[in-house]
Amino acid sequence: MMCLCVLVLGFAGTVSAEQQSFEQWLVELKQEAVSKGISEQTFESAFKDVKPIERIIELDRKQPEFTLTLDQYVSRVVPKRRIKLGKKRLNENRELLEQVAAKYGVQPRFLVAFWGIETDFGRLTGGYSVIAAITTLAYDGRRSAFFRKQLLDALQILEEGHIAPDKMTGSWAGAMGQAQFMPSTFRAYAVDFDGDKRIDLWGSKGDVFASAANYLSQVGWDDDQTWGREIKLPKDFDKSLLGLDTKKSLTEWDALGIRRLSGDNLPERDLMASVVQPDEDKKFARVYLVYDNYRAIMHWNKSHKFAIAVGTLADSIAH
């Protein structure tokens, strides 16, 4: 979560001639895995026919620069089709979502929004073997320590019987299931909500929703709040106040001249908020007043555009 998806930036170059062979690397990995409680049977089953995948190295090296404006990003991630389908999925799963919300304190519309943006409501979860994908990135060396830990966590998930190796599929960077949790996030936050003694983020919507809700709850979500709202700034607004580092009460922001888009005063609630402007260099950039739940979304994925897209979709499917 989080994203729980991993954004892998840049690449240090090709594998050096001095790097140990994959076979020797695998021998040492097995020794470490066994020392951490992974059975030989689990290890051998997980690594049957696994080899580094060149396509994953290409994807890692060639990630495009992120140049979309906020409007471009939101229009791409929150199209009318997704809003319409989100309303449908919210209604279809309302009883289950309400049960999850009652336990973890995360409003259903936000759970559906995360689900929609991460995997198009479970439709696009990635077709790579998680073990093969993470093995490729761990062996290749650019972020070997990070991905080696993810690989050991993935093996622990297999050891605990939550999923079979051939069913453990995900993105090229190893994000898994309908919530796109990395293995370390799975181990820290994923829960068995349906009570079948295993955590299934691929096929159990109860486990998917509850795991996402548990994560958000643990990082500070408050179901008595929303995420934020688009606002208007006064012409003389001090731009040094922009950003999550500055928090003021709604009353204080109102006194500084901030207004709703309608021109009305801000809500009369005892809430702390920050002002963010993702496209700060744009003359007519959108500006948002955001609350602590926005910060929780940023734990999931450290992108203002992602956070605003989640909030926008959640608001859109609730109306």
C-alpha atoms as a PDB file:
ATOM      1  CA  MET A   1       0.000   0.000   0.000  1.00  0.00           C
ATOM      2  CA  MET A   2       1.436   1.760  -0.497  1.00  0.00           C
ATOM      3  CA  CYS A   3       1.747   2.638  -2.851  1.00  0.00           C
ATOM      4  CA  LEU A   4       2.027   0.134  -1.415  1.00  0.00           C
ATOM      5  CA  CYS A   5       3.066  -0.212  -5.084  1.00  0.00           C
ATOM      6  CA  VAL A   6       6.736   0.512  -5.544  1.00  0.00           C
ATOM      7  CA  LEU A   7       7.895   3.273  -7.861  1.00  0.00           C
ATOM      8  CA  VAL A   8      11.417   2.310  -8.905  1.00  0.00           C
ATOM      9  CA  LEU A   9      13.351   5.309 -10.135  1.00  0.00           C
ATOM     10  CA  GLY A  10      16.399   5.254 -12.364  1.00  0.00           C
ATOM     11  CA  PHE A  11      18.943   2.504 -12.995  1.00  0.00           C
ATOM     12  CA  ALA A  12      22.623   2.242 -12.194  1.00  0.00           C
ATOM     13  CA  GLY A  13      23.655   0.299 -15.289  1.00  0.00           C
ATOM     14  CA  THR A  14      24.107  -3.274 -16.441  1.00  0.00           C
ATOM     15  CA  VAL A  15      25.155  -6.105 -14.164  1.00  0.00           C
ATOM     16  CA  SER A  16      28.907  -6.134 -13.716  1.00  0.00           C
ATOM     17  CA  ALA A  17      31.060  -9.030 -14.799  1.00  0.00           C
ATOM     18  CA  GLU A  18      32.164  -9.444 -11.199  1.00  0.00           C
ATOM     19  CA  GLN A  19      28.659 -10.191  -9.947  1.00  0.00           C
ATOM     20  CA  GLN A  20      28.253 -13.737  -8.705  1.00  0.00           C
ATOM     21  CA  SER A  21      26.351 -16.202 -10.850  1.00  0.00           C
ATOM     22  CA  PHE A  22      22.620 -16.483 -10.339  1.00  0.00           C
ATOM     23  CA  GLU A  23      23.070 -20.068  -9.185  1.00  0.00           C
ATOM     24  CA  GLN A  24      25.525 -19.059  -6.459  1.00  0.00           C
ATOM     25  CA  TRP A  25      23.338 -16.123  -5.465  1.00  0.00           C
ATOM     26  CA  LEU A  26      20.402 -18.512  -5.129  1.00  0.00           C
ATOM     27  CA  VAL A  27      22.416 -20.872  -2.922  1.00  0.00           C
ATOM     28  CA  GLU A  28      23.191 -18.030  -0.529  1.00  0.00           C
ATOM     29  CA  LEU A  29      19.603 -16.796  -0.610  1.00  0.00           C
ATOM     30  CA  LYS A  30      18.394 -20.277   0.303  1.00  0.00           C
ATOM     31  CA  GLN A  31      20.757 -20.400   3.277  1.00  0.00           C
ATOM     32  CA  GLU A  32      19.413 -17.079   4.512  1.00  0.00           C
ATOM     33  CA  ALA A  33      15.801 -18.075   3.915  1.00  0.00           C
ATOM     34  CA  VAL A  34      16.177 -21.367   5.797  1.00  0.00           C
ATOM     35  CA  SER A  35      17.841 -19.528   8.673  1.00  0.00           C
ATOM     36  CA  LYS A  36      14.729 -17.353   8.868  1.00  0.00           C
ATOM     37  CA  GLY A  37      12.334 -20.287   9.082  1.00  0.00           C
ATOM     38  CA  ILE A  38      11.541 -20.969   5.434  1.00  0.00           C
ATOM     39  CA  SER A  39      11.350 -24.693   4.767  1.00  0.00           C
ATOM     40  CA  GLU A  40      13.402 -26.216   1.979  1.00  0.00           C
ATOM     41  CA  GLN A  41      10.168 -27.506   0.448  1.00  0.00           C
ATOM     42  CA  THR A  42       8.707 -24.005   0.272  1.00  0.00           C
ATOM     43  CA  PHE A  43      11.919 -22.597  -1.177  1.00  0.00           C
ATOM     44  CA  GLU A  44      12.280 -25.264  -3.834  1.00  0.00           C
ATOM     45  CA  SER A  45       8.623 -24.958  -4.819  1.00  0.00           C
ATOM     46  CA  ALA A  46       8.866 -21.168  -5.059  1.00  0.00           C
ATOM     47  CA  PHE A  47      12.003 -21.208  -7.196  1.00  0.00           C
ATOM     48  CA  LYS A  48      11.089 -24.010  -9.560  1.00  0.00           C
ATOM     49  CA  ASP A  49      12.132 -22.796 -13.031  1.00  0.00           C
ATOM     50  CA  VAL A  50      12.672 -19.217 -11.780  1.00  0.00           C
ATOM     51  CA  LYS A  51      15.251 -17.197 -13.693  1.00  0.00           C
ATOM     52  CA  PRO A  52      15.840 -13.440 -13.947  1.00  0.00           C
ATOM     53  CA  ILE A  53      13.408 -11.855 -16.429  1.00  0.00           C
ATOM     54  CA  GLU A  54      15.058  -9.453 -18.862  1.00  0.00           C
ATOM     55  CA  ARG A  55      11.777  -7.639 -19.541  1.00  0.00           C
ATOM     56  CA  ILE A  56      11.587  -6.594 -15.893  1.00  0.00           C
ATOM     57  CA  ILE A  57      15.076  -5.087 -16.107  1.00  0.00           C
ATOM     58  CA  GLU A  58      13.956  -3.163 -19.194  1.00  0.00           C
ATOM     59  CA  LEU A  59      10.887  -1.864 -17.389  1.00  0.00           C
ATOM     60  CA  ASP A  60      12.987  -0.886 -14.388  1.00  0.00           C
ATOM     61  CA  ARG A  61      15.432   1.048 -16.550  1.00  0.00           C
ATOM     62  CA  LYS A  62      12.964   2.743 -18.834  1.00  0.00           C
ATOM     63  CA  GLN A  63      10.326   4.146 -16.532  1.00  0.00           C
ATOM     64  CA  PRO A  64       9.119   7.380 -18.127  1.00  0.00           C
ATOM     65  CA  GLU A  65       9.495  10.764 -16.510  1.00  0.00           C
ATOM     66  CA  PHE A  66       6.344  11.717 -14.637  1.00  0.00           C
ATOM     67  CA  THR A  67       5.284  14.860 -16.492  1.00  0.00           C
ATOM     68  CA  LEU A  68       1.477  14.804 -16.393  1.00  0.00           C
ATOM     69  CA  THR A  69      -0.230  17.839 -14.939  1.00  0.00           C
ATOM     70  CA  LEU A  70      -2.733  17.274 -12.161  1.00  0.00           C
ATOM     71  CA  ASP A  71      -5.658  17.701 -14.565  1.00  0.00           C
ATOM     72  CA  GLN A  72      -4.128  15.235 -17.009  1.00  0.00           C
ATOM     73  CA  TYR A  73      -3.426  12.722 -14.248  1.00  0.00           C
ATOM     74  CA  VAL A  74      -6.878  12.912 -12.687  1.00  0.00           C
ATOM     75  CA  SER A  75      -8.647  12.732 -16.053  1.00  0.00           C
ATOM     76  CA  ARG A  76      -6.635   9.613 -16.876  1.00  0.00           C
ATOM     77  CA  VAL A  77      -7.012   7.908 -13.486  1.00  0.00           C
ATOM     78  CA  VAL A  78     -10.581   9.017 -12.705  1.00  0.00           C
ATOM     79  CA  PRO A  79     -12.416   8.816 -16.042  1.00  0.00           C
ATOM     80  CA  LYS A  80     -16.213   8.817 -16.207  1.00  0.00           C
ATOM     81  CA  ARG A  81     -16.161   5.060 -16.851  1.00  0.00           C
ATOM     82  CA  ARG A  82     -14.358   4.429 -13.561  1.00  0.00           C
ATOM     83  CA  ILE A  83     -16.721   6.701 -11.640  1.00  0.00           C
ATOM     84  CA  LYS A  84     -19.726   4.874 -13.073  1.00  0.00           C
ATOM     85  CA  LEU A  85     -18.240   1.468 -12.320  1.00  0.00           C
ATOM     86  CA  GLY A  86     -17.191   2.657  -8.870  1.00  0.00           C
ATOM     87  CA  LYS A  87     -20.777   3.550  -8.007  1.00  0.00           C
ATOM     88  CA  LYS A  88     -21.833   0.078  -9.135  1.00  0.00           C
ATOM     89  CA  ARG A  89     -19.109  -1.691  -7.146  1.00  0.00           C
ATOM     90  CA  LEU A  90     -19.919   0.388  -4.063  1.00  0.00           C
ATOM     91  CA  ASN A  91     -23.553  -0.701  -4.206  1.00  0.00           C
ATOM     92  CA  GLU A  92     -22.732  -4.330  -5.003  1.00  0.00           C
ATOM     93  CA  ASN A  93     -20.397  -4.660  -2.026  1.00  0.00           C
ATOM     94  CA  ARG A  94     -22.082  -2.270   0.384  1.00  0.00           C
ATOM     95  CA  GLU A  95     -22.874  -4.831   3.102  1.00  0.00           C
ATOM     96  CA  LEU A  96     -19.308  -6.166   3.158  1.00  0.00           C
ATOM     97  CA  LEU A  97     -17.827  -2.677   2.986  1.00  0.00           C
ATOM     98  CA  GLU A  98     -19.988  -1.518   5.894  1.00  0.00           C
ATOM     99  CA  GLN A  99     -18.771  -4.464   7.965  1.00  0.00           C
ATOM    100  CA  VAL A 100     -15.162  -3.543   7.219  1.00  0.00           C
ATOM    101  CA  ALA A 101     -15.857   0.126   7.916  1.00  0.00           C
ATOM    102  CA  ALA A 102     -17.397  -0.708  11.291  1.00  0.00           C
ATOM    103  CA  LYS A 103     -14.285  -2.627  12.343  1.00  0.00           C
ATOM    104  CA  TYR A 104     -11.520  -0.408  10.951  1.00  0.00           C
ATOM    105  CA  GLY A 105     -13.086   3.032  10.671  1.00  0.00           C
ATOM    106  CA  VAL A 106     -12.526   3.728   6.972  1.00  0.00           C
ATOM    107  CA  GLN A 107     -15.460   4.925   4.879  1.00  0.00           C
ATOM    108  CA  PRO A 108     -16.535   2.511   2.094  1.00  0.00           C
ATOM    109  CA  ARG A 109     -16.224   5.096  -0.675  1.00  0.00           C
ATOM    110  CA  PHE A 110     -12.502   5.457   0.011  1.00  0.00           C
ATOM    111  CA  LEU A 111     -11.905   1.703   0.027  1.00  0.00           C
ATOM    112  CA  VAL A 112     -13.626   1.448  -3.353  1.00  0.00           C
ATOM    113  CA  ALA A 113     -11.586   4.401  -4.640  1.00  0.00           C
ATOM    114  CA  PHE A 114      -8.274   2.758  -3.709  1.00  0.00           C
ATOM    115  CA  TRP A 115      -9.487  -0.508  -5.227  1.00  0.00           C
ATOM    116  CA  GLY A 116     -10.483   1.256  -8.428  1.00  0.00           C
ATOM    117  CA  ILE A 117      -7.287   3.220  -8.887  1.00  0.00           C
ATOM    118  CA  GLU A 118      -4.900   0.419  -7.948  1.00  0.00           C
ATOM    119  CA  THR A 119      -6.383  -2.418 -10.020  1.00  0.00           C
ATOM    120  CA  ASP A 120      -9.544  -1.135 -11.748  1.00  0.00           C
ATOM    121  CA  PHE A 121     -11.654  -2.915  -9.096  1.00  0.00           C
ATOM    122  CA  GLY A 122      -9.613  -6.110  -9.225  1.00  0.00           C
ATOM    123  CA  ARG A 123      -9.424  -6.400 -13.006  1.00  0.00           C
ATOM    124  CA  LEU A 124      -5.768  -5.475 -13.533  1.00  0.00           C
ATOM    125  CA  THR A 125      -3.614  -7.082 -10.857  1.00  0.00           C
ATOM    126  CA  GLY A 126      -0.511  -7.872 -12.926  1.00  0.00           C
ATOM    127  CA  GLY A 127       0.518 -11.095 -14.591  1.00  0.00           C
ATOM    128  CA  TYR A 128       4.094 -11.559 -13.384  1.00  0.00           C
ATOM    129  CA  SER A 129       5.178 -14.214 -10.932  1.00  0.00           C
ATOM    130  CA  VAL A 130       5.927 -12.208  -7.792  1.00  0.00           C
ATOM    131  CA  ILE A 131       8.813 -14.504  -6.889  1.00  0.00           C
ATOM    132  CA  ALA A 132      10.360 -14.213 -10.357  1.00  0.00           C
ATOM    133  CA  ALA A 133       9.833 -10.455 -10.533  1.00  0.00           C
ATOM    134  CA  ILE A 134      11.322  -9.677  -7.143  1.00  0.00           C
ATOM    135  CA  THR A 135      14.116 -12.201  -7.666  1.00  0.00           C
ATOM    136  CA  THR A 136      15.067 -10.385 -10.864  1.00  0.00           C
ATOM    137  CA  LEU A 137      15.258  -7.027  -9.094  1.00  0.00           C
ATOM    138  CA  ALA A 138      17.025  -8.422  -6.028  1.00  0.00           C
ATOM    139  CA  TYR A 139      19.683 -10.177  -8.096  1.00  0.00           C
ATOM    140  CA  ASP A 140      20.197  -7.303 -10.512  1.00  0.00           C
ATOM    141  CA  GLY A 141      21.577  -5.194  -7.703  1.00  0.00           C
ATOM    142  CA  ARG A 142      20.353  -1.635  -8.118  1.00  0.00           C
ATOM    143  CA  ARG A 143      18.125  -1.900  -5.050  1.00  0.00           C
ATOM    144  CA  SER A 144      19.167  -5.360  -4.003  1.00  0.00           C
ATOM    145  CA  ALA A 145      18.772  -4.874  -0.231  1.00  0.00           C
ATOM    146  CA  PHE A 146      15.204  -3.617  -0.563  1.00  0.00           C
ATOM    147  CA  PHE A 147      14.087  -6.340  -2.963  1.00  0.00           C
ATOM    148  CA  ARG A 148      15.924  -9.090  -1.094  1.00  0.00           C
ATOM    149  CA  LYS A 149      13.847  -8.208   1.968  1.00  0.00           C
ATOM    150  CA  GLN A 150      10.696  -8.242  -0.163  1.00  0.00           C
ATOM    151  CA  LEU A 151      11.678 -11.641  -1.503  1.00  0.00           C
ATOM    152  CA  LEU A 152      12.159 -13.094   1.976  1.00  0.00           C
ATOM    153  CA  ASP A 153       8.783 -11.665   2.995  1.00  0.00           C
ATOM    154  CA  ALA A 154       7.192 -13.211  -0.087  1.00  0.00           C
ATOM    155  CA  LEU A 155       8.675 -16.583   0.862  1.00  0.00           C
ATOM    156  CA  GLN A 156       7.248 -16.201   4.366  1.00  0.00           C
ATOM    157  CA  ILE A 157       3.798 -15.575   2.872  1.00  0.00           C
ATOM    158  CA  LEU A 158       4.162 -18.829   0.931  1.00  0.00           C
ATOM    159  CA  GLU A 159       5.450 -20.638   4.030  1.00  0.00           C
ATOM    160  CA  GLU A 160       2.328 -19.567   5.942  1.00  0.00           C
ATOM    161  CA  GLY A 161       0.125 -21.035   3.205  1.00  0.00           C
ATOM    162  CA  HIS A 162      -1.708 -17.881   2.173  1.00  0.00           C
ATOM    163  CA  ILE A 163      -1.221 -18.489  -1.559  1.00  0.00           C
ATOM    164  CA  ALA A 164       0.436 -21.045  -3.844  1.00  0.00           C
ATOM    165  CA  PRO A 165       3.597 -19.976  -5.717  1.00  0.00           C
ATOM    166  CA  ASP A 166       1.941 -20.218  -9.137  1.00  0.00           C
ATOM    167  CA  LYS A 167      -0.973 -18.093  -7.931  1.00  0.00           C
ATOM    168  CA  MET A 168       1.218 -15.379  -6.381  1.00  0.00           C
ATOM    169  CA  THR A 169       1.081 -12.927  -9.259  1.00  0.00           C
ATOM    170  CA  GLY A 170       1.466  -9.181  -9.416  1.00  0.00           C
ATOM    171  CA  SER A 171       3.160  -6.238 -11.078  1.00  0.00           C
ATOM    172  CA  TRP A 172       6.652  -6.274 -12.529  1.00  0.00           C
ATOM    173  CA  ALA A 173       7.873  -4.649  -9.291  1.00  0.00           C
ATOM    174  CA  GLY A 174       6.216  -7.251  -7.063  1.00  0.00           C
ATOM    175  CA  ALA A 175       3.028  -5.463  -5.937  1.00  0.00           C
ATOM    176  CA  MET A 176       0.427  -8.150  -5.310  1.00  0.00           C
ATOM    177  CA  GLY A 177      -3.267  -8.765  -5.615  1.00  0.00           C
ATOM    178  CA  GLN A 178      -6.244  -6.437  -5.784  1.00  0.00           C
ATOM    179  CA  ALA A 179      -4.715  -4.030  -3.246  1.00  0.00           C
ATOM    180  CA  GLN A 180      -1.242  -4.097  -4.862  1.00  0.00           C
ATOM    181  CA  PHE A 181       0.562  -4.661  -1.559  1.00  0.00           C
ATOM    182  CA  MET A 182       4.285  -5.287  -1.585  1.00  0.00           C
ATOM    183  CA  PRO A 183       5.206  -8.426   0.418  1.00  0.00           C
ATOM    184  CA  SER A 184       6.450  -6.377   3.401  1.00  0.00           C
ATOM    185  CA  THR A 185       3.165  -4.436   3.463  1.00  0.00           C
ATOM    186  CA  PHE A 186       1.229  -7.692   3.209  1.00  0.00           C
ATOM    187  CA  ARG A 187       3.025  -9.084   6.239  1.00  0.00           C
ATOM    188  CA  ALA A 188       2.575  -5.908   8.263  1.00  0.00           C
ATOM    189  CA  TYR A 189      -1.035  -5.023   7.453  1.00  0.00           C
ATOM    190  CA  ALA A 190      -2.920  -7.711   5.504  1.00  0.00           C
ATOM    191  CA  VAL A 191      -5.685  -9.484   7.443  1.00  0.00           C
ATOM    192  CA  ASP A 192      -7.892 -12.555   7.141  1.00  0.00           C
ATOM    193  CA  PHE A 193     -11.322 -10.944   7.244  1.00  0.00           C
ATOM    194  CA  ASP A 194     -13.345 -13.843   5.849  1.00  0.00           C
ATOM    195  CA  GLY A 195     -12.023 -16.247   8.496  1.00  0.00           C
ATOM    196  CA  ASP A 196     -10.701 -19.001   6.224  1.00  0.00           C
ATOM    197  CA  LYS A 197      -7.290 -19.055   7.979  1.00  0.00           C
ATOM    198  CA  ARG A 198      -5.418 -17.492   5.087  1.00  0.00           C
ATOM    199  CA  ILE A 199      -5.046 -14.013   3.654  1.00  0.00           C
ATOM    200  CA  ASP A 200      -6.126 -13.898   0.028  1.00  0.00           C
ATOM    201  CA  LEU A 201      -5.567 -10.509  -1.612  1.00  0.00           C
ATOM    202  CA  TRP A 202      -6.190 -12.057  -5.019  1.00  0.00           C
ATOM    203  CA  GLY A 203      -9.646 -13.575  -4.620  1.00  0.00           C
ATOM    204  CA  SER A 204     -11.269 -12.537  -1.322  1.00  0.00           C
ATOM    205  CA  LYS A 205     -12.826  -9.084  -1.434  1.00  0.00           C
ATOM    206  CA  GLY A 206     -13.275  -9.211   2.318  1.00  0.00           C
ATOM    207  CA  ASP A 207      -9.535  -9.678   2.799  1.00  0.00           C
ATOM    208  CA  VAL A 208      -8.775  -7.007   0.186  1.00  0.00           C
ATOM    209  CA  PHE A 209     -11.032  -4.347   1.724  1.00  0.00           C
ATOM    210  CA  ALA A 210     -10.086  -5.162   5.307  1.00  0.00           C
ATOM    211  CA  SER A 211      -6.361  -5.186   4.558  1.00  0.00           C
ATOM    212  CA  ALA A 212      -6.569  -1.793   2.870  1.00  0.00           C
ATOM    213  CA  ALA A 213      -8.680  -0.470   5.751  1.00  0.00           C
ATOM    214  CA  ASN A 214      -6.300  -1.875   8.352  1.00  0.00           C
ATOM    215  CA  TYR A 215      -3.374  -0.195   6.648  1.00  0.00           C
ATOM    216  CA  LEU A 216      -5.133   3.163   6.480  1.00  0.00           C
ATOM    217  CA  SER A 217      -6.309   2.872  10.068  1.00  0.00           C
ATOM    218  CA  GLN A 218      -2.786   2.111  11.264  1.00  0.00           C
ATOM    219  CA  VAL A 219      -1.361   5.190   9.538  1.00  0.00           C
ATOM    220  CA  GLY A 220      -3.888   7.550  11.089  1.00  0.00           C
ATOM    221  CA  TRP A 221      -7.165   7.469   9.166  1.00  0.00           C
ATOM    222  CA  ASP A 222     -10.134   9.162  10.868  1.00  0.00           C
ATOM    223  CA  ASP A 223     -13.602   8.273   9.581  1.00  0.00           C
ATOM    224  CA  ASP A 224     -15.015  11.449  11.106  1.00  0.00           C
ATOM    225  CA  GLN A 225     -13.178  13.418   8.425  1.00  0.00           C
ATOM    226  CA  THR A 226     -13.008  13.547   4.665  1.00  0.00           C
ATOM    227  CA  TRP A 227      -9.780  14.092   2.726  1.00  0.00           C
ATOM    228  CA  GLY A 228      -9.963  17.708   1.618  1.00  0.00           C
ATOM    229  CA  ARG A 229     -11.547  20.068  -0.879  1.00  0.00           C
ATOM    230  CA  GLU A 230     -10.576  22.305  -3.764  1.00  0.00           C
ATOM    231  CA  ILE A 231     -10.420  25.967  -2.716  1.00  0.00           C
ATOM    232  CA  LYS A 232      -9.833  29.518  -3.886  1.00  0.00           C
ATOM    233  CA  LEU A 233      -6.873  31.518  -2.623  1.00  0.00           C
ATOM    234  CA  PRO A 234      -6.979  35.263  -2.097  1.00  0.00           C
ATOM    235  CA  LYS A 235      -4.798  37.288  -4.483  1.00  0.00           C
ATOM    236  CA  ASP A 236      -2.404  38.239  -1.699  1.00  0.00           C
ATOM    237  CA  PHE A 237      -1.954  34.700  -0.344  1.00  0.00           C
ATOM    238  CA  ASP A 238       1.518  33.999   1.066  1.00  0.00           C
ATOM    239  CA  LYS A 239       2.798  31.114  -1.092  1.00  0.00           C
ATOM    240  CA  SER A 240       5.312  30.170   1.603  1.00  0.00           C
ATOM    241  CA  LEU A 241       2.329  28.659   3.476  1.00  0.00           C
ATOM    242  CA  LEU A 242       1.834  26.039   0.774  1.00  0.00           C
ATOM    243  CA  GLY A 243       2.691  22.440   1.627  1.00  0.00           C
ATOM    244  CA  LEU A 244       2.051  19.789   4.230  1.00  0.00           C
ATOM    245  CA  ASP A 245       4.610  21.280   6.612  1.00  0.00           C
ATOM    246  CA  THR A 246       2.194  24.109   7.463  1.00  0.00           C
ATOM    247  CA  LYS A 247      -0.945  23.218   9.434  1.00  0.00           C
ATOM    248  CA  LYS A 248      -3.572  25.697  10.564  1.00  0.00           C
ATOM    249  CA  SER A 249      -7.150  25.443  11.781  1.00  0.00           C
ATOM    250  CA  LEU A 250      -9.998  26.020   9.338  1.00  0.00           C
ATOM    251  CA  THR A 251     -10.763  29.191  11.269  1.00  0.00           C
ATOM    252  CA  GLU A 252      -7.229  30.460  10.706  1.00  0.00           C
ATOM    253  CA  TRP A 253      -7.292  29.642   6.991  1.00  0.00           C
ATOM    254  CA  ASP A 254     -10.675  31.319   6.670  1.00  0.00           C
ATOM    255  CA  ALA A 255      -9.281  34.444   8.323  1.00  0.00           C
ATOM    256  CA  LEU A 256      -6.483  34.468   5.725  1.00  0.00           C
ATOM    257  CA  GLY A 257      -9.086  34.707   2.970  1.00  0.00           C
ATOM    258  CA  ILE A 258      -9.303  31.107   1.774  1.00  0.00           C
ATOM    259  CA  ARG A 259     -12.757  30.257   0.440  1.00  0.00           C
ATOM    260  CA  ARG A 260     -14.616  27.295  -0.978  1.00  0.00           C
ATOM    261  CA  LEU A 261     -14.851  27.174  -4.773  1.00  0.00           C
ATOM    262  CA  SER A 262     -18.374  28.580  -4.434  1.00  0.00           C
ATOM    263  CA  GLY A 263     -16.935  31.615  -2.676  1.00  0.00           C
ATOM    264  CA  ASP A 264     -18.491  30.652   0.650  1.00  0.00           C
ATOM    265  CA  ASN A 265     -16.594  30.577   3.923  1.00  0.00           C
ATOM    266  CA  LEU A 266     -14.858  27.384   5.009  1.00  0.00           C
ATOM    267  CA  PRO A 267     -16.743  24.898   7.211  1.00  0.00           C
ATOM    268  CA  GLU A 268     -16.969  25.758  10.894  1.00  0.00           C
ATOM    269  CA  ARG A 269     -15.197  22.691  12.224  1.00  0.00           C
ATOM    270  CA  ASP A 270     -12.283  22.323  14.601  1.00  0.00           C
ATOM    271  CA  LEU A 271     -10.006  20.715  12.016  1.00  0.00           C
ATOM    272  CA  MET A 272      -6.366  21.235  11.194  1.00  0.00           C
ATOM    273  CA  ALA A 273      -5.538  21.501   7.506  1.00  0.00           C
ATOM    274  CA  SER A 274      -2.800  22.282   5.020  1.00  0.00           C
ATOM    275  CA  VAL A 275      -2.900  23.923   1.593  1.00  0.00           C
ATOM    276  CA  VAL A 276      -1.342  22.049  -1.345  1.00  0.00           C
ATOM    277  CA  GLN A 277      -0.872  22.994  -4.982  1.00  0.00           C
ATOM    278  CA  PRO A 278       0.570  20.039  -6.927  1.00  0.00           C
ATOM    279  CA  ASP A 279       1.187  22.078 -10.090  1.00  0.00           C
ATOM    280  CA  GLU A 280       2.910  24.927  -8.288  1.00  0.00           C
ATOM    281  CA  ASP A 281       4.495  26.363 -11.433  1.00  0.00           C
ATOM    282  CA  LYS A 282       1.189  26.624 -13.289  1.00  0.00           C
ATOM    283  CA  LYS A 283      -0.546  30.004 -13.365  1.00  0.00           C
ATOM    284  CA  PHE A 284      -4.028  28.547 -12.962  1.00  0.00           C
ATOM    285  CA  ALA A 285      -3.112  25.488 -10.898  1.00  0.00           C
ATOM    286  CA  ARG A 286      -5.744  23.899  -8.688  1.00  0.00           C
ATOM    287  CA  VAL A 287      -5.335  24.390  -4.952  1.00  0.00           C
ATOM    288  CA  TYR A 288      -6.612  22.098  -2.205  1.00  0.00           C
ATOM    289  CA  LEU A 289      -7.198  22.355   1.518  1.00  0.00           C
ATOM    290  CA  VAL A 290      -6.349  18.900   2.883  1.00  0.00           C
ATOM    291  CA  TYR A 291      -6.816  17.128   6.212  1.00  0.00           C
ATOM    292  CA  ASP A 292      -5.013  14.342   8.042  1.00  0.00           C
ATOM    293  CA  ASN A 293      -6.706  11.648   5.940  1.00  0.00           C
ATOM    294  CA  TYR A 294      -4.879  13.122   2.958  1.00  0.00           C
ATOM    295  CA  ARG A 295      -1.655  12.406   4.805  1.00  0.00           C
ATOM    296  CA  ALA A 296      -2.800   8.810   5.290  1.00  0.00           C
ATOM    297  CA  ILE A 297      -3.344   8.500   1.536  1.00  0.00           C
ATOM    298  CA  MET A 298       0.184   9.837   1.049  1.00  0.00           C
ATOM    299  CA  HIS A 299       1.480   6.989   3.212  1.00  0.00           C
ATOM    300  CA  TRP A 300       0.002   4.613   0.656  1.00  0.00           C
ATOM    301  CA  ASN A 301       1.563   6.439  -2.286  1.00  0.00           C
ATOM    302  CA  LYS A 302       3.756   9.505  -1.793  1.00  0.00           C
ATOM    303  CA  SER A 303       2.192  11.445  -4.654  1.00  0.00           C
ATOM    304  CA  HIS A 304      -0.046  14.481  -4.295  1.00  0.00           C
ATOM    305  CA  LYS A 305      -1.654  13.647  -7.630  1.00  0.00           C
ATOM    306  CA  PHE A 306      -2.448  10.110  -6.498  1.00  0.00           C
ATOM    307  CA  ALA A 307      -3.923  11.393  -3.231  1.00  0.00           C
ATOM    308  CA  ILE A 308      -6.121  13.936  -5.001  1.00  0.00           C
ATOM    309  CA  ALA A 309      -7.234  11.277  -7.496  1.00  0.00           C
ATOM    310  CA  VAL A 310      -8.266   8.951  -4.642  1.00  0.00           C
ATOM    311  CA  GLY A 311     -10.202  11.742  -2.970  1.00  0.00           C
ATOM    312  CA  THR A 312     -11.807  12.827  -6.236  1.00  0.00           C
ATOM    313  CA  LEU A 313     -12.936   9.294  -7.075  1.00  0.00           C
ATOM    314  CA  ALA A 314     -14.229   8.692  -3.544  1.00  0.00           C
ATOM    315  CA  ASP A 315     -16.275  11.894  -3.681  1.00  0.00           C
ATOM    316  CA  SER A 316     -17.554  11.166  -7.182  1.00  0.00           C
ATOM    317  CA  ILE A 317     -18.806   7.646  -6.487  1.00  0.00           C
ATOM    318  CA  ALA A 318     -20.545   8.736  -3.272  1.00  0.00           C
ATOM    319  CA  HIS A 319     -22.844  11.148  -5.095  1.00  0.00           C
END
